[in-house]
């Protein structure tokens, strides 16, 4: 298989994943917005590609317009992939290892995807966390709980990217950290940046100031918490279940 054929096959598999998730979502508009933000495509860019008014895309994402049918979803997904291809395909390639479906890594404790995003302040509340740097707050569409030492020592850069699940707009929760510096170094050298970083097991006075400085450079919100990790995961998942029910 040539490189071009492999890339086209990757695009096809990713398109199926995206279209299926949007179509089957309880909130297709929110899901559509998540993917558009993942690919860093503006509403104007996608509307130009589809030759529709930007208000059409805005109305779909906000729920003001009836949910897009499968044909429109397909066109939107194809446009997102086409725009990324024109930009060099960086985002598409970032999902390659995720589609490999290798979930056997012991360094990943838990991953979870939200149908409706969790707001930053709610994340802080559920984790009983201390905000070390507020950064650029944005809605979070999931979280990953990671063994810090294992992920840094055992994972390749491509495998590390799999920690993001299906959205970079997520909280990356690192456990077994000693100062918090190493996870921030690992994030600094990757192309993908999470929506928030949580250092588990450290009090605010135990975090290396250099970790905070690195978070500031990338403008990523940085938190620390000592809440029991099992309880924390349960609370975060419970929030996702309540959101789906509209509670």
C-alpha atoms as a PDB file:
ATOM      1  CA  UNK A   1       0.000   0.000   0.000  1.00  0.00           C
ATOM      2  CA  UNK A   2       1.406   3.399  -0.981  1.00  0.00           C
ATOM      3  CA  UNK A   3       1.582   6.306   1.458  1.00  0.00           C
ATOM      4  CA  UNK A   4      -1.253   8.022  -0.401  1.00  0.00           C
ATOM      5  CA  UNK A   5      -3.443   4.912  -0.249  1.00  0.00           C
ATOM      6  CA  UNK A   6      -2.715   4.524   3.461  1.00  0.00           C
ATOM      7  CA  UNK A   7      -3.649   8.156   4.071  1.00  0.00           C
ATOM      8  CA  UNK A   8      -6.903   7.798   2.129  1.00  0.00           C
ATOM      9  CA  UNK A   9      -7.739   4.655   4.101  1.00  0.00           C
ATOM     10  CA  UNK A  10      -7.051   6.533   7.338  1.00  0.00           C
ATOM     11  CA  UNK A  11      -9.350   9.365   6.233  1.00  0.00           C
ATOM     12  CA  UNK A  12     -12.094   6.882   5.381  1.00  0.00           C
ATOM     13  CA  UNK A  13     -11.934   5.170   8.768  1.00  0.00           C
ATOM     14  CA  UNK A  14     -11.830   8.499  10.587  1.00  0.00           C
ATOM     15  CA  UNK A  15     -14.789   9.790   8.553  1.00  0.00           C
ATOM     16  CA  UNK A  16     -16.822   6.734   9.548  1.00  0.00           C
ATOM     17  CA  UNK A  17     -15.945   7.256  13.197  1.00  0.00           C
ATOM     18  CA  UNK A  18     -16.840  10.961  13.112  1.00  0.00           C
ATOM     19  CA  UNK A  19     -20.070  10.595  11.158  1.00  0.00           C
ATOM     20  CA  UNK A  20     -21.239   7.706  13.321  1.00  0.00           C
ATOM     21  CA  UNK A  21     -20.560   9.568  16.541  1.00  0.00           C
ATOM     22  CA  UNK A  22     -22.357  12.728  15.372  1.00  0.00           C
ATOM     23  CA  UNK A  23     -25.363  10.869  13.990  1.00  0.00           C
ATOM     24  CA  UNK A  24     -25.859   8.686  17.072  1.00  0.00           C
ATOM     25  CA  UNK A  25     -25.163  11.409  19.625  1.00  0.00           C
ATOM     26  CA  UNK A  26     -27.852  12.580  22.040  1.00  0.00           C
ATOM     27  CA  UNK A  27     -26.697  16.108  21.144  1.00  0.00           C
ATOM     28  CA  UNK A  28     -25.482  16.007  17.512  1.00  0.00           C
ATOM     29  CA  UNK A  29     -24.921  19.770  17.447  1.00  0.00           C
ATOM     30  CA  UNK A  30     -22.558  19.595  20.426  1.00  0.00           C
ATOM     31  CA  UNK A  31     -20.775  16.626  18.883  1.00  0.00           C
ATOM     32  CA  UNK A  32     -20.442  18.447  15.563  1.00  0.00           C
ATOM     33  CA  UNK A  33     -18.931  21.444  17.357  1.00  0.00           C
ATOM     34  CA  UNK A  34     -16.487  19.183  19.184  1.00  0.00           C
ATOM     35  CA  UNK A  35     -15.100  17.771  15.942  1.00  0.00           C
ATOM     36  CA  UNK A  36     -14.905  21.191  14.299  1.00  0.00           C
ATOM     37  CA  UNK A  37     -12.903  22.495  17.261  1.00  0.00           C
ATOM     38  CA  UNK A  38     -10.717  19.381  17.243  1.00  0.00           C
ATOM     39  CA  UNK A  39      -9.723  20.204  13.677  1.00  0.00           C
ATOM     40  CA  UNK A  40      -9.354  23.909  14.516  1.00  0.00           C
ATOM     41  CA  UNK A  41     -11.711  24.906  11.712  1.00  0.00           C
ATOM     42  CA  UNK A  42     -13.811  28.063  12.036  1.00  0.00           C
ATOM     43  CA  UNK A  43     -17.531  28.163  11.320  1.00  0.00           C
ATOM     44  CA  UNK A  44     -16.740  30.482   8.409  1.00  0.00           C
ATOM     45  CA  UNK A  45     -14.257  28.035   6.871  1.00  0.00           C
ATOM     46  CA  UNK A  46     -16.664  25.106   7.077  1.00  0.00           C
ATOM     47  CA  UNK A  47     -19.576  27.165   5.756  1.00  0.00           C
ATOM     48  CA  UNK A  48     -17.453  28.349   2.813  1.00  0.00           C
ATOM     49  CA  UNK A  49     -16.543  24.752   2.010  1.00  0.00           C
ATOM     50  CA  UNK A  50     -20.222  23.771   2.105  1.00  0.00           C
ATOM     51  CA  UNK A  51     -21.347  26.982   0.359  1.00  0.00           C
ATOM     52  CA  UNK A  52     -23.846  27.822   3.085  1.00  0.00           C
ATOM     53  CA  UNK A  53     -24.193  30.752   5.458  1.00  0.00           C
ATOM     54  CA  UNK A  54     -22.093  30.604   8.668  1.00  0.00           C
ATOM     55  CA  UNK A  55     -25.377  30.983  10.557  1.00  0.00           C
ATOM     56  CA  UNK A  56     -26.404  27.535   9.304  1.00  0.00           C
ATOM     57  CA  UNK A  57     -23.422  25.907  11.019  1.00  0.00           C
ATOM     58  CA  UNK A  58     -23.987  28.035  14.123  1.00  0.00           C
ATOM     59  CA  UNK A  59     -27.649  27.012  14.262  1.00  0.00           C
ATOM     60  CA  UNK A  60     -26.775  23.307  13.931  1.00  0.00           C
ATOM     61  CA  UNK A  61     -24.195  23.499  16.728  1.00  0.00           C
ATOM     62  CA  UNK A  62     -26.426  25.457  19.087  1.00  0.00           C
ATOM     63  CA  UNK A  63     -29.487  23.274  18.456  1.00  0.00           C
ATOM     64  CA  UNK A  64     -31.526  26.160  17.040  1.00  0.00           C
ATOM     65  CA  UNK A  65     -31.836  24.277  13.752  1.00  0.00           C
ATOM     66  CA  UNK A  66     -33.142  20.743  13.401  1.00  0.00           C
ATOM     67  CA  UNK A  67     -30.358  18.194  13.708  1.00  0.00           C
ATOM     68  CA  UNK A  68     -28.505  17.676  10.409  1.00  0.00           C
ATOM     69  CA  UNK A  69     -29.438  14.538   8.510  1.00  0.00           C
ATOM     70  CA  UNK A  70     -26.943  11.876   7.542  1.00  0.00           C
ATOM     71  CA  UNK A  71     -26.248  13.522   4.174  1.00  0.00           C
ATOM     72  CA  UNK A  72     -25.379  16.878   5.753  1.00  0.00           C
ATOM     73  CA  UNK A  73     -23.305  15.183   8.460  1.00  0.00           C
ATOM     74  CA  UNK A  74     -21.372  13.357   5.754  1.00  0.00           C
ATOM     75  CA  UNK A  75     -20.725  16.606   3.876  1.00  0.00           C
ATOM     76  CA  UNK A  76     -19.554  18.371   7.038  1.00  0.00           C
ATOM     77  CA  UNK A  77     -17.190  15.535   7.944  1.00  0.00           C
ATOM     78  CA  UNK A  78     -15.790  15.399   4.409  1.00  0.00           C
ATOM     79  CA  UNK A  79     -15.239  19.165   4.484  1.00  0.00           C
ATOM     80  CA  UNK A  80     -13.393  19.011   7.814  1.00  0.00           C
ATOM     81  CA  UNK A  81     -11.112  16.280   6.500  1.00  0.00           C
ATOM     82  CA  UNK A  82     -10.578  18.109   3.192  1.00  0.00           C
ATOM     83  CA  UNK A  83      -9.607  21.329   4.981  1.00  0.00           C
ATOM     84  CA  UNK A  84      -7.143  19.460   7.206  1.00  0.00           C
ATOM     85  CA  UNK A  85      -5.700  17.664   4.172  1.00  0.00           C
ATOM     86  CA  UNK A  86      -5.065  21.018   2.509  1.00  0.00           C
ATOM     87  CA  UNK A  87      -3.248  22.111   5.676  1.00  0.00           C
ATOM     88  CA  UNK A  88      -0.989  19.066   5.566  1.00  0.00           C
ATOM     89  CA  UNK A  89      -3.161  16.474   7.328  1.00  0.00           C
ATOM     90  CA  UNK A  90      -1.630  17.008  10.782  1.00  0.00           C
ATOM     91  CA  UNK A  91      -4.877  16.494  12.671  1.00  0.00           C
ATOM     92  CA  UNK A  92      -5.800  13.430  10.617  1.00  0.00           C
ATOM     93  CA  UNK A  93      -2.433  11.813  11.285  1.00  0.00           C
ATOM     94  CA  UNK A  94      -2.807  12.564  15.005  1.00  0.00           C
ATOM     95  CA  UNK A  95      -5.758  10.126  15.111  1.00  0.00           C
ATOM     96  CA  UNK A  96      -3.899   7.310  13.372  1.00  0.00           C
ATOM     97  CA  UNK A  97      -2.745   5.502  16.514  1.00  0.00           C
ATOM     98  CA  UNK A  98      -6.173   5.947  18.118  1.00  0.00           C
ATOM     99  CA  UNK A  99      -7.784   4.105  15.227  1.00  0.00           C
ATOM    100  CA  UNK A 100      -5.303   1.268  15.737  1.00  0.00           C
ATOM    101  CA  UNK A 101      -7.460   0.443  18.785  1.00  0.00           C
ATOM    102  CA  UNK A 102      -4.578  -0.632  21.016  1.00  0.00           C
ATOM    103  CA  UNK A 103      -6.051  -0.140  24.483  1.00  0.00           C
ATOM    104  CA  UNK A 104      -3.756  -2.576  26.272  1.00  0.00           C
ATOM    105  CA  UNK A 105      -1.364   0.011  27.680  1.00  0.00           C
ATOM    106  CA  UNK A 106      -1.195  -0.334  31.449  1.00  0.00           C
ATOM    107  CA  UNK A 107      -0.337   3.346  31.753  1.00  0.00           C
ATOM    108  CA  UNK A 108      -3.922   4.337  30.895  1.00  0.00           C
ATOM    109  CA  UNK A 109      -6.165   3.959  33.940  1.00  0.00           C
ATOM    110  CA  UNK A 110      -9.342   5.382  32.504  1.00  0.00           C
ATOM    111  CA  UNK A 111     -10.676   7.379  29.560  1.00  0.00           C
ATOM    112  CA  UNK A 112     -14.130   8.847  29.176  1.00  0.00           C
ATOM    113  CA  UNK A 113     -15.898  10.878  26.487  1.00  0.00           C
ATOM    114  CA  UNK A 114     -18.680  13.357  27.292  1.00  0.00           C
ATOM    115  CA  UNK A 115     -21.642  13.841  24.961  1.00  0.00           C
ATOM    116  CA  UNK A 116     -22.150  17.261  26.554  1.00  0.00           C
ATOM    117  CA  UNK A 117     -18.969  19.057  27.674  1.00  0.00           C
ATOM    118  CA  UNK A 118     -18.060  19.696  31.271  1.00  0.00           C
ATOM    119  CA  UNK A 119     -17.152  23.276  32.145  1.00  0.00           C
ATOM    120  CA  UNK A 120     -13.773  24.035  33.703  1.00  0.00           C
ATOM    121  CA  UNK A 121     -15.142  25.250  37.027  1.00  0.00           C
ATOM    122  CA  UNK A 122     -17.260  22.108  37.376  1.00  0.00           C
ATOM    123  CA  UNK A 123     -14.131  19.996  36.851  1.00  0.00           C
ATOM    124  CA  UNK A 124     -12.399  21.951  39.624  1.00  0.00           C
ATOM    125  CA  UNK A 125     -15.359  21.381  41.935  1.00  0.00           C
ATOM    126  CA  UNK A 126     -15.703  17.638  41.280  1.00  0.00           C
ATOM    127  CA  UNK A 127     -11.988  17.040  41.820  1.00  0.00           C
ATOM    128  CA  UNK A 128     -11.738  19.312  44.881  1.00  0.00           C
ATOM    129  CA  UNK A 129      -8.818  20.773  42.955  1.00  0.00           C
ATOM    130  CA  UNK A 130      -6.619  23.805  43.434  1.00  0.00           C
ATOM    131  CA  UNK A 131      -6.107  26.002  40.362  1.00  0.00           C
ATOM    132  CA  UNK A 132      -2.395  26.619  39.820  1.00  0.00           C
ATOM    133  CA  UNK A 133      -2.862  28.413  36.510  1.00  0.00           C
ATOM    134  CA  UNK A 134      -6.198  29.265  34.933  1.00  0.00           C
ATOM    135  CA  UNK A 135      -4.986  29.600  31.338  1.00  0.00           C
ATOM    136  CA  UNK A 136      -7.418  29.481  28.437  1.00  0.00           C
ATOM    137  CA  UNK A 137     -10.502  27.801  29.852  1.00  0.00           C
ATOM    138  CA  UNK A 138     -12.645  25.885  27.395  1.00  0.00           C
ATOM    139  CA  UNK A 139     -15.376  23.227  27.567  1.00  0.00           C
ATOM    140  CA  UNK A 140     -13.952  19.735  28.059  1.00  0.00           C
ATOM    141  CA  UNK A 141     -15.309  16.768  26.118  1.00  0.00           C
ATOM    142  CA  UNK A 142     -13.637  14.026  28.109  1.00  0.00           C
ATOM    143  CA  UNK A 143     -10.839  13.028  30.443  1.00  0.00           C
ATOM    144  CA  UNK A 144      -7.944  10.578  30.593  1.00  0.00           C
ATOM    145  CA  UNK A 145      -6.354   9.285  33.796  1.00  0.00           C
ATOM    146  CA  UNK A 146      -2.737   8.328  33.194  1.00  0.00           C
ATOM    147  CA  UNK A 147       0.106   6.771  35.163  1.00  0.00           C
ATOM    148  CA  UNK A 148       2.640   9.567  34.777  1.00  0.00           C
ATOM    149  CA  UNK A 149       5.822   7.478  35.092  1.00  0.00           C
ATOM    150  CA  UNK A 150       4.655   4.662  32.812  1.00  0.00           C
ATOM    151  CA  UNK A 151       3.376   7.000  30.102  1.00  0.00           C
ATOM    152  CA  UNK A 152       6.602   8.992  29.985  1.00  0.00           C
ATOM    153  CA  UNK A 153       8.992   6.036  30.200  1.00  0.00           C
ATOM    154  CA  UNK A 154       7.147   3.455  28.075  1.00  0.00           C
ATOM    155  CA  UNK A 155       5.119   5.333  25.461  1.00  0.00           C
ATOM    156  CA  UNK A 156       6.280   6.536  22.069  1.00  0.00           C
ATOM    157  CA  UNK A 157       5.175  10.002  20.961  1.00  0.00           C
ATOM    158  CA  UNK A 158       2.470   8.444  18.774  1.00  0.00           C
ATOM    159  CA  UNK A 159       1.225   6.287  21.639  1.00  0.00           C
ATOM    160  CA  UNK A 160       1.238   9.302  23.943  1.00  0.00           C
ATOM    161  CA  UNK A 161      -1.142  11.057  21.550  1.00  0.00           C
ATOM    162  CA  UNK A 162      -3.650   8.228  22.076  1.00  0.00           C
ATOM    163  CA  UNK A 163      -4.155   9.492  25.606  1.00  0.00           C
ATOM    164  CA  UNK A 164      -6.294  12.243  24.123  1.00  0.00           C
ATOM    165  CA  UNK A 165      -9.057   9.816  23.152  1.00  0.00           C
ATOM    166  CA  UNK A 166     -11.240  11.433  20.487  1.00  0.00           C
ATOM    167  CA  UNK A 167     -10.875  15.040  21.592  1.00  0.00           C
ATOM    168  CA  UNK A 168      -7.950  17.208  22.655  1.00  0.00           C
ATOM    169  CA  UNK A 169     -10.478  19.331  24.574  1.00  0.00           C
ATOM    170  CA  UNK A 170     -10.172  17.067  27.588  1.00  0.00           C
ATOM    171  CA  UNK A 171      -8.670  16.955  31.059  1.00  0.00           C
ATOM    172  CA  UNK A 172      -5.427  14.987  31.240  1.00  0.00           C
ATOM    173  CA  UNK A 173      -5.107  13.652  34.793  1.00  0.00           C
ATOM    174  CA  UNK A 174      -1.593  12.463  35.672  1.00  0.00           C
ATOM    175  CA  UNK A 175      -1.211  10.174  38.696  1.00  0.00           C
ATOM    176  CA  UNK A 176       1.944   9.162  40.587  1.00  0.00           C
ATOM    177  CA  UNK A 177       3.629  12.500  40.003  1.00  0.00           C
ATOM    178  CA  UNK A 178       6.456  13.635  42.270  1.00  0.00           C
ATOM    179  CA  UNK A 179       6.767  17.316  41.345  1.00  0.00           C
ATOM    180  CA  UNK A 180       4.556  17.722  38.271  1.00  0.00           C
ATOM    181  CA  UNK A 181       7.433  18.771  36.041  1.00  0.00           C
ATOM    182  CA  UNK A 182       7.757  15.631  33.891  1.00  0.00           C
ATOM    183  CA  UNK A 183       4.139  15.550  32.617  1.00  0.00           C
ATOM    184  CA  UNK A 184       4.415  19.193  31.561  1.00  0.00           C
ATOM    185  CA  UNK A 185       7.661  18.445  29.703  1.00  0.00           C
ATOM    186  CA  UNK A 186       5.936  15.579  27.876  1.00  0.00           C
ATOM    187  CA  UNK A 187       3.041  17.861  26.892  1.00  0.00           C
ATOM    188  CA  UNK A 188       5.412  20.582  25.708  1.00  0.00           C
ATOM    189  CA  UNK A 189       7.090  18.308  23.117  1.00  0.00           C
ATOM    190  CA  UNK A 190       3.845  16.988  21.589  1.00  0.00           C
ATOM    191  CA  UNK A 191       1.783  18.670  18.882  1.00  0.00           C
ATOM    192  CA  UNK A 192      -1.534  18.109  20.659  1.00  0.00           C
ATOM    193  CA  UNK A 193      -2.365  20.080  23.791  1.00  0.00           C
ATOM    194  CA  UNK A 194      -5.082  19.099  26.299  1.00  0.00           C
ATOM    195  CA  UNK A 195      -7.786  21.437  27.527  1.00  0.00           C
ATOM    196  CA  UNK A 196      -6.564  21.072  31.116  1.00  0.00           C
ATOM    197  CA  UNK A 197      -3.848  19.249  33.050  1.00  0.00           C
ATOM    198  CA  UNK A 198      -4.473  17.788  36.510  1.00  0.00           C
ATOM    199  CA  UNK A 199      -1.600  16.677  38.759  1.00  0.00           C
ATOM    200  CA  UNK A 200      -2.971  14.033  41.104  1.00  0.00           C
ATOM    201  CA  UNK A 201      -1.505  13.410  44.533  1.00  0.00           C
ATOM    202  CA  UNK A 202       0.143  16.798  45.036  1.00  0.00           C
ATOM    203  CA  UNK A 203      -0.810  19.756  47.181  1.00  0.00           C
ATOM    204  CA  UNK A 204      -0.374  23.239  45.743  1.00  0.00           C
ATOM    205  CA  UNK A 205       2.899  23.789  47.633  1.00  0.00           C
ATOM    206  CA  UNK A 206       4.378  20.526  46.335  1.00  0.00           C
ATOM    207  CA  UNK A 207       4.170  21.418  42.631  1.00  0.00           C
ATOM    208  CA  UNK A 208       7.426  22.469  40.969  1.00  0.00           C
ATOM    209  CA  UNK A 209       7.178  26.162  39.952  1.00  0.00           C
ATOM    210  CA  UNK A 210       8.701  25.184  36.599  1.00  0.00           C
ATOM    211  CA  UNK A 211       5.621  23.034  35.884  1.00  0.00           C
ATOM    212  CA  UNK A 212       3.434  26.092  36.368  1.00  0.00           C
ATOM    213  CA  UNK A 213       5.727  28.141  34.111  1.00  0.00           C
ATOM    214  CA  UNK A 214       5.430  25.550  31.322  1.00  0.00           C
ATOM    215  CA  UNK A 215       1.644  25.534  31.646  1.00  0.00           C
ATOM    216  CA  UNK A 216       1.718  29.309  31.300  1.00  0.00           C
ATOM    217  CA  UNK A 217       3.804  29.113  28.111  1.00  0.00           C
ATOM    218  CA  UNK A 218       1.235  26.810  26.473  1.00  0.00           C
ATOM    219  CA  UNK A 219      -1.653  28.626  28.198  1.00  0.00           C
ATOM    220  CA  UNK A 220      -3.037  25.311  29.498  1.00  0.00           C
ATOM    221  CA  UNK A 221      -5.070  25.354  32.734  1.00  0.00           C
ATOM    222  CA  UNK A 222      -3.153  23.504  35.460  1.00  0.00           C
ATOM    223  CA  UNK A 223      -4.753  21.940  38.560  1.00  0.00           C
ATOM    224  CA  UNK A 224      -3.635  19.753  41.421  1.00  0.00           C
ATOM    225  CA  UNK A 225      -5.710  17.501  43.660  1.00  0.00           C
ATOM    226  CA  UNK A 226      -5.262  14.910  46.387  1.00  0.00           C
ATOM    227  CA  UNK A 227      -8.752  13.428  46.037  1.00  0.00           C
ATOM    228  CA  UNK A 228      -8.887   9.620  45.960  1.00  0.00           C
ATOM    229  CA  UNK A 229      -8.477   8.678  42.291  1.00  0.00           C
ATOM    230  CA  UNK A 230     -11.193   6.015  42.291  1.00  0.00           C
ATOM    231  CA  UNK A 231     -13.663   8.450  43.800  1.00  0.00           C
ATOM    232  CA  UNK A 232     -12.568  11.165  41.365  1.00  0.00           C
ATOM    233  CA  UNK A 233     -13.144   8.934  38.320  1.00  0.00           C
ATOM    234  CA  UNK A 234     -16.563   7.904  39.635  1.00  0.00           C
ATOM    235  CA  UNK A 235     -17.582  11.544  40.170  1.00  0.00           C
ATOM    236  CA  UNK A 236     -16.465  12.571  36.679  1.00  0.00           C
ATOM    237  CA  UNK A 237     -18.292   9.684  35.023  1.00  0.00           C
ATOM    238  CA  UNK A 238     -21.424  10.333  37.075  1.00  0.00           C
ATOM    239  CA  UNK A 239     -21.464  13.911  35.801  1.00  0.00           C
ATOM    240  CA  UNK A 240     -21.426  12.625  32.214  1.00  0.00           C
ATOM    241  CA  UNK A 241     -24.353  10.301  32.880  1.00  0.00           C
ATOM    242  CA  UNK A 242     -26.390  13.092  34.490  1.00  0.00           C
ATOM    243  CA  UNK A 243     -25.632  15.424  31.565  1.00  0.00           C
ATOM    244  CA  UNK A 244     -27.000  12.946  29.058  1.00  0.00           C
ATOM    245  CA  UNK A 245     -30.216  12.716  31.056  1.00  0.00           C
ATOM    246  CA  UNK A 246     -30.441  16.498  31.215  1.00  0.00           C
ATOM    247  CA  UNK A 247     -30.119  16.619  34.971  1.00  0.00           C
END
